Amino acid sequence: MKQLINKAFESVRKAYETHNGQIFVGNSGGKDSCVVLHITRKLFPNVIVIHNSKLEPGKTHPLTRNFLYEQSAEFPIMFLPSSKMEEVVKKEKLTCQVDGTRRAEFDRTEKSDDVIINGKSVNRKDMPGYVHVGIFGLSAVYPIYDWTDKNVFEYIKEESIKISAEYDV
């Protein structure tokens, strides 16, 4: 586990250096996003955090929606609809998104089974940890792309990370 954690920290550090600090964390409020946010904020406490959704019923679990609002009391989160995302990314001069997408998500039925890499659809199970060109011309880094659910929950427990009550099953 320690090796996975070190690798995740290094990938975020490298993205930050490569992009001259112009990174942001894409945060859905899910467990994977919470882990990536924790790792990134440990290194760079003032990183921009963007939740790309209107938080409409049916799009985000109600418990996760409440959790995101609670989180926003602790640190700033930009809540953006998809239609405003590109505008804000360009205005803030952001060039790289740190994201919690993992290979293990490739078979989830409620989510897309692919990611867009260099303009092409790639199955999540085949995704690399670093994407050179994603949406809006952004680079993307997936620091925990090779983690299992067990790894994610182990890290959450070790670091006492707050997560949505949606996961209290």
C-alpha atoms as a PDB file:
ATOM      1  CA  MET A   1       0.000   0.000   0.000  1.00  0.00           C
ATOM      2  CA  LYS A   2       2.824   2.383   0.857  1.00  0.00           C
ATOM      3  CA  GLN A   3       4.193   2.044  -2.679  1.00  0.00           C
ATOM      4  CA  LEU A   4       0.783   2.941  -4.184  1.00  0.00           C
ATOM      5  CA  ILE A   5       0.503   5.978  -1.899  1.00  0.00           C
ATOM      6  CA  ASN A   6       4.001   7.210  -2.754  1.00  0.00           C
ATOM      7  CA  LYS A   7       3.296   6.753  -6.465  1.00  0.00           C
ATOM      8  CA  ALA A   8       0.058   8.763  -6.148  1.00  0.00           C
ATOM      9  CA  PHE A   9       1.814  11.613  -4.333  1.00  0.00           C
ATOM     10  CA  GLU A  10       4.574  11.628  -6.930  1.00  0.00           C
ATOM     11  CA  SER A  11       2.128  11.778  -9.839  1.00  0.00           C
ATOM     12  CA  VAL A  12       0.373  14.806  -8.304  1.00  0.00           C
ATOM     13  CA  ARG A  13       3.702  16.501  -7.562  1.00  0.00           C
ATOM     14  CA  LYS A  14       4.879  15.872 -11.128  1.00  0.00           C
ATOM     15  CA  ALA A  15       1.634  17.248 -12.596  1.00  0.00           C
ATOM     16  CA  TYR A  16       1.945  20.366 -10.442  1.00  0.00           C
ATOM     17  CA  GLU A  17       5.539  20.964 -11.531  1.00  0.00           C
ATOM     18  CA  THR A  18       4.888  20.142 -15.201  1.00  0.00           C
ATOM     19  CA  HIS A  19       1.919  22.528 -15.299  1.00  0.00           C
ATOM     20  CA  ASN A  20       3.507  25.332 -13.250  1.00  0.00           C
ATOM     21  CA  GLY A  21       0.899  24.945 -10.514  1.00  0.00           C
ATOM     22  CA  GLN A  22      -2.026  25.401 -12.914  1.00  0.00           C
ATOM     23  CA  ILE A  23      -3.819  22.258 -11.731  1.00  0.00           C
ATOM     24  CA  PHE A  24      -7.215  21.671 -10.204  1.00  0.00           C
ATOM     25  CA  VAL A  25      -8.934  18.746  -8.543  1.00  0.00           C
ATOM     26  CA  GLY A  26     -12.114  17.481 -10.145  1.00  0.00           C
ATOM     27  CA  ASN A  27     -14.227  16.442  -7.162  1.00  0.00           C
ATOM     28  CA  SER A  28     -17.472  14.486  -7.517  1.00  0.00           C
ATOM     29  CA  GLY A  29     -17.774  13.996  -3.756  1.00  0.00           C
ATOM     30  CA  GLY A  30     -17.282  10.242  -4.192  1.00  0.00           C
ATOM     31  CA  LYS A  31     -14.819   8.179  -2.201  1.00  0.00           C
ATOM     32  CA  ASP A  32     -12.167   8.178  -4.951  1.00  0.00           C
ATOM     33  CA  SER A  33     -12.448  11.948  -5.356  1.00  0.00           C
ATOM     34  CA  CYS A  34     -12.048  12.367  -1.592  1.00  0.00           C
ATOM     35  CA  VAL A  35      -8.815  10.351  -1.645  1.00  0.00           C
ATOM     36  CA  VAL A  36      -7.388  12.294  -4.604  1.00  0.00           C
ATOM     37  CA  LEU A  37      -8.441  15.585  -3.019  1.00  0.00           C
ATOM     38  CA  HIS A  38      -6.764  14.585   0.252  1.00  0.00           C
ATOM     39  CA  ILE A  39      -3.518  13.627  -1.482  1.00  0.00           C
ATOM     40  CA  THR A  40      -3.458  16.798  -3.577  1.00  0.00           C
ATOM     41  CA  ARG A  41      -4.335  19.149  -0.711  1.00  0.00           C
ATOM     42  CA  LYS A  42      -1.672  17.543   1.483  1.00  0.00           C
ATOM     43  CA  LEU A  43       0.874  18.664  -1.089  1.00  0.00           C
ATOM     44  CA  PHE A  44      -0.826  21.856  -2.281  1.00  0.00           C
ATOM     45  CA  PRO A  45      -3.377  23.111   0.298  1.00  0.00           C
ATOM     46  CA  ASN A  46      -4.638  25.962  -1.886  1.00  0.00           C
ATOM     47  CA  VAL A  47      -5.365  23.909  -4.997  1.00  0.00           C
ATOM     48  CA  ILE A  48      -8.554  24.831  -6.865  1.00  0.00           C
ATOM     49  CA  VAL A  49     -11.364  22.298  -6.399  1.00  0.00           C
ATOM     50  CA  ILE A  50     -14.136  22.038  -8.995  1.00  0.00           C
ATOM     51  CA  HIS A  51     -17.331  20.029  -8.771  1.00  0.00           C
ATOM     52  CA  ASN A  52     -18.710  19.806 -12.298  1.00  0.00           C
ATOM     53  CA  SER A  53     -22.441  19.398 -11.695  1.00  0.00           C
ATOM     54  CA  LYS A  54     -25.545  21.363 -10.832  1.00  0.00           C
ATOM     55  CA  LEU A  55     -26.091  18.996  -7.896  1.00  0.00           C
ATOM     56  CA  GLU A  56     -29.517  18.252  -9.299  1.00  0.00           C
ATOM     57  CA  PRO A  57     -31.595  15.442  -7.814  1.00  0.00           C
ATOM     58  CA  GLY A  58     -30.827  12.214  -9.612  1.00  0.00           C
ATOM     59  CA  LYS A  59     -27.355  13.340 -10.729  1.00  0.00           C
ATOM     60  CA  THR A  60     -25.638  13.322  -7.351  1.00  0.00           C
ATOM     61  CA  HIS A  61     -26.681  11.119  -4.424  1.00  0.00           C
ATOM     62  CA  PRO A  62     -28.488  13.303  -1.811  1.00  0.00           C
ATOM     63  CA  LEU A  63     -26.030  12.312   0.929  1.00  0.00           C
ATOM     64  CA  THR A  64     -23.090  13.176  -1.308  1.00  0.00           C
ATOM     65  CA  ARG A  65     -24.715  16.468  -2.283  1.00  0.00           C
ATOM     66  CA  ASN A  66     -24.986  17.358   1.430  1.00  0.00           C
ATOM     67  CA  PHE A  67     -21.425  16.189   2.001  1.00  0.00           C
ATOM     68  CA  LEU A  68     -20.131  18.478  -0.767  1.00  0.00           C
ATOM     69  CA  TYR A  69     -21.903  21.464   0.765  1.00  0.00           C
ATOM     70  CA  GLU A  70     -20.374  20.589   4.151  1.00  0.00           C
ATOM     71  CA  GLN A  71     -16.937  20.330   2.533  1.00  0.00           C
ATOM     72  CA  SER A  72     -17.369  23.743   0.941  1.00  0.00           C
ATOM     73  CA  ALA A  73     -17.572  25.244   4.442  1.00  0.00           C
ATOM     74  CA  GLU A  74     -14.033  23.946   5.076  1.00  0.00           C
ATOM     75  CA  PHE A  75     -12.422  25.045   1.799  1.00  0.00           C
ATOM     76  CA  PRO A  76     -13.588  26.647  -1.438  1.00  0.00           C
ATOM     77  CA  ILE A  77     -15.229  24.399  -4.024  1.00  0.00           C
ATOM     78  CA  MET A  78     -16.367  25.778  -7.366  1.00  0.00           C
ATOM     79  CA  PHE A  79     -19.740  24.252  -8.214  1.00  0.00           C
ATOM     80  CA  LEU A  80     -19.989  24.475 -12.000  1.00  0.00           C
ATOM     81  CA  PRO A  81     -22.465  23.204 -14.550  1.00  0.00           C
ATOM     82  CA  SER A  82     -20.828  21.533 -17.543  1.00  0.00           C
ATOM     83  CA  SER A  83     -21.724  24.528 -19.700  1.00  0.00           C
ATOM     84  CA  LYS A  84     -19.427  26.800 -17.626  1.00  0.00           C
ATOM     85  CA  MET A  85     -16.536  24.409 -17.136  1.00  0.00           C
ATOM     86  CA  GLU A  86     -14.465  25.356 -20.186  1.00  0.00           C
ATOM     87  CA  GLU A  87     -14.959  29.075 -19.549  1.00  0.00           C
ATOM     88  CA  VAL A  88     -13.704  28.827 -15.954  1.00  0.00           C
ATOM     89  CA  VAL A  89     -10.787  26.550 -16.864  1.00  0.00           C
ATOM     90  CA  LYS A  90      -9.607  29.084 -19.440  1.00  0.00           C
ATOM     91  CA  LYS A  91     -10.229  32.096 -17.180  1.00  0.00           C
ATOM     92  CA  GLU A  92      -8.220  30.512 -14.342  1.00  0.00           C
ATOM     93  CA  LYS A  93      -5.531  29.388 -16.843  1.00  0.00           C
ATOM     94  CA  LEU A  94      -5.787  25.809 -15.619  1.00  0.00           C
ATOM     95  CA  THR A  95      -3.986  23.211 -17.712  1.00  0.00           C
ATOM     96  CA  CYS A  96      -4.310  19.942 -15.779  1.00  0.00           C
ATOM     97  CA  GLN A  97      -7.071  18.148 -13.896  1.00  0.00           C
ATOM     98  CA  VAL A  98      -6.266  15.771 -11.043  1.00  0.00           C
ATOM     99  CA  ASP A  99      -9.043  13.194 -11.047  1.00  0.00           C
ATOM    100  CA  GLY A 100     -10.098  10.120  -9.077  1.00  0.00           C
ATOM    101  CA  THR A 101     -11.055   7.924 -12.016  1.00  0.00           C
ATOM    102  CA  ARG A 102      -9.756   4.370 -11.600  1.00  0.00           C
ATOM    103  CA  ARG A 103      -9.328   1.359 -13.859  1.00  0.00           C
ATOM    104  CA  ALA A 104     -11.507  -0.654 -11.486  1.00  0.00           C
ATOM    105  CA  GLU A 105     -14.503   1.460 -12.530  1.00  0.00           C
ATOM    106  CA  PHE A 106     -14.591   0.034 -16.052  1.00  0.00           C
ATOM    107  CA  ASP A 107     -17.450  -2.326 -15.269  1.00  0.00           C
ATOM    108  CA  ARG A 108     -19.682   0.040 -13.298  1.00  0.00           C
ATOM    109  CA  THR A 109     -23.096   0.195 -14.881  1.00  0.00           C
ATOM    110  CA  GLU A 110     -24.124   3.649 -13.649  1.00  0.00           C
ATOM    111  CA  LYS A 111     -21.054   5.377 -15.097  1.00  0.00           C
ATOM    112  CA  SER A 112     -19.505   5.546 -18.519  1.00  0.00           C
ATOM    113  CA  ASP A 113     -17.065   2.731 -19.174  1.00  0.00           C
ATOM    114  CA  ASP A 114     -14.647   4.993 -20.992  1.00  0.00           C
ATOM    115  CA  VAL A 115     -12.494   8.078 -20.657  1.00  0.00           C
ATOM    116  CA  ILE A 116     -11.504  10.429 -23.446  1.00  0.00           C
ATOM    117  CA  ILE A 117      -7.769  10.364 -24.129  1.00  0.00           C
ATOM    118  CA  ASN A 118      -6.297  12.445 -26.926  1.00  0.00           C
ATOM    119  CA  GLY A 119      -9.764  12.777 -28.408  1.00  0.00           C
ATOM    120  CA  LYS A 120     -10.416   9.023 -28.428  1.00  0.00           C
ATOM    121  CA  SER A 121     -12.612   6.903 -26.212  1.00  0.00           C
ATOM    122  CA  VAL A 122     -10.548   4.456 -24.130  1.00  0.00           C
ATOM    123  CA  ASN A 123     -12.011   1.770 -21.871  1.00  0.00           C
ATOM    124  CA  ARG A 124     -11.255   2.567 -18.224  1.00  0.00           C
ATOM    125  CA  LYS A 125      -9.606  -0.832 -17.737  1.00  0.00           C
ATOM    126  CA  ASP A 126      -6.976   0.201 -20.303  1.00  0.00           C
ATOM    127  CA  MET A 127      -6.458   3.775 -19.106  1.00  0.00           C
ATOM    128  CA  PRO A 128      -2.991   5.072 -18.274  1.00  0.00           C
ATOM    129  CA  GLY A 129      -2.240   7.105 -15.158  1.00  0.00           C
ATOM    130  CA  TYR A 130      -1.502  10.252 -17.124  1.00  0.00           C
ATOM    131  CA  VAL A 131      -3.340  11.654 -20.110  1.00  0.00           C
ATOM    132  CA  HIS A 132      -1.686  14.256 -22.294  1.00  0.00           C
ATOM    133  CA  VAL A 133      -4.813  15.799 -23.800  1.00  0.00           C
ATOM    134  CA  GLY A 134      -8.307  15.486 -22.417  1.00  0.00           C
ATOM    135  CA  ILE A 135     -11.407  17.640 -22.499  1.00  0.00           C
ATOM    136  CA  PHE A 136     -10.946  21.359 -23.231  1.00  0.00           C
ATOM    137  CA  GLY A 137      -7.313  20.658 -24.136  1.00  0.00           C
ATOM    138  CA  LEU A 138      -6.508  19.841 -20.505  1.00  0.00           C
ATOM    139  CA  SER A 139      -3.992  17.296 -19.415  1.00  0.00           C
ATOM    140  CA  ALA A 140      -5.248  14.926 -16.752  1.00  0.00           C
ATOM    141  CA  VAL A 141      -3.577  12.876 -14.077  1.00  0.00           C
ATOM    142  CA  TYR A 142      -5.219   9.926 -12.359  1.00  0.00           C
ATOM    143  CA  PRO A 143      -3.069   9.328  -9.245  1.00  0.00           C
ATOM    144  CA  ILE A 144      -5.060   6.335  -7.993  1.00  0.00           C
ATOM    145  CA  TYR A 145      -5.943   4.792 -11.372  1.00  0.00           C
ATOM    146  CA  ASP A 146      -4.455   1.444 -10.335  1.00  0.00           C
ATOM    147  CA  TRP A 147      -5.936   1.278  -6.813  1.00  0.00           C
ATOM    148  CA  THR A 148      -8.597  -1.233  -5.821  1.00  0.00           C
ATOM    149  CA  ASP A 149     -11.658  -0.381  -3.718  1.00  0.00           C
ATOM    150  CA  LYS A 150      -9.871  -2.092  -0.834  1.00  0.00           C
ATOM    151  CA  ASN A 151      -6.885   0.267  -1.286  1.00  0.00           C
ATOM    152  CA  VAL A 152      -9.202   3.287  -1.382  1.00  0.00           C
ATOM    153  CA  PHE A 153     -11.042   2.336   1.813  1.00  0.00           C
ATOM    154  CA  GLU A 154      -7.777   1.409   3.553  1.00  0.00           C
ATOM    155  CA  TYR A 155      -6.327   4.853   2.784  1.00  0.00           C
ATOM    156  CA  ILE A 156      -9.548   6.557   3.918  1.00  0.00           C
ATOM    157  CA  LYS A 157      -9.335   4.703   7.228  1.00  0.00           C
ATOM    158  CA  GLU A 158      -5.588   5.307   7.716  1.00  0.00           C
ATOM    159  CA  GLU A 159      -5.918   9.030   7.042  1.00  0.00           C
ATOM    160  CA  SER A 160      -9.309   9.497   8.756  1.00  0.00           C
ATOM    161  CA  ILE A 161     -10.706  11.095   5.613  1.00  0.00           C
ATOM    162  CA  LYS A 162     -14.302  12.267   5.773  1.00  0.00           C
ATOM    163  CA  ILE A 163     -16.461  10.741   3.065  1.00  0.00           C
ATOM    164  CA  SER A 164     -20.120  10.919   2.151  1.00  0.00           C
ATOM    165  CA  ALA A 165     -22.563   8.975   4.302  1.00  0.00           C
ATOM    166  CA  GLU A 166     -23.567   7.380   0.989  1.00  0.00           C
ATOM    167  CA  TYR A 167     -20.760   4.877   1.691  1.00  0.00           C
ATOM    168  CA  ASP A 168     -21.939   3.966   5.208  1.00  0.00           C
ATOM    169  CA  VAL A 169     -23.321   0.638   4.105  1.00  0.00           C
END
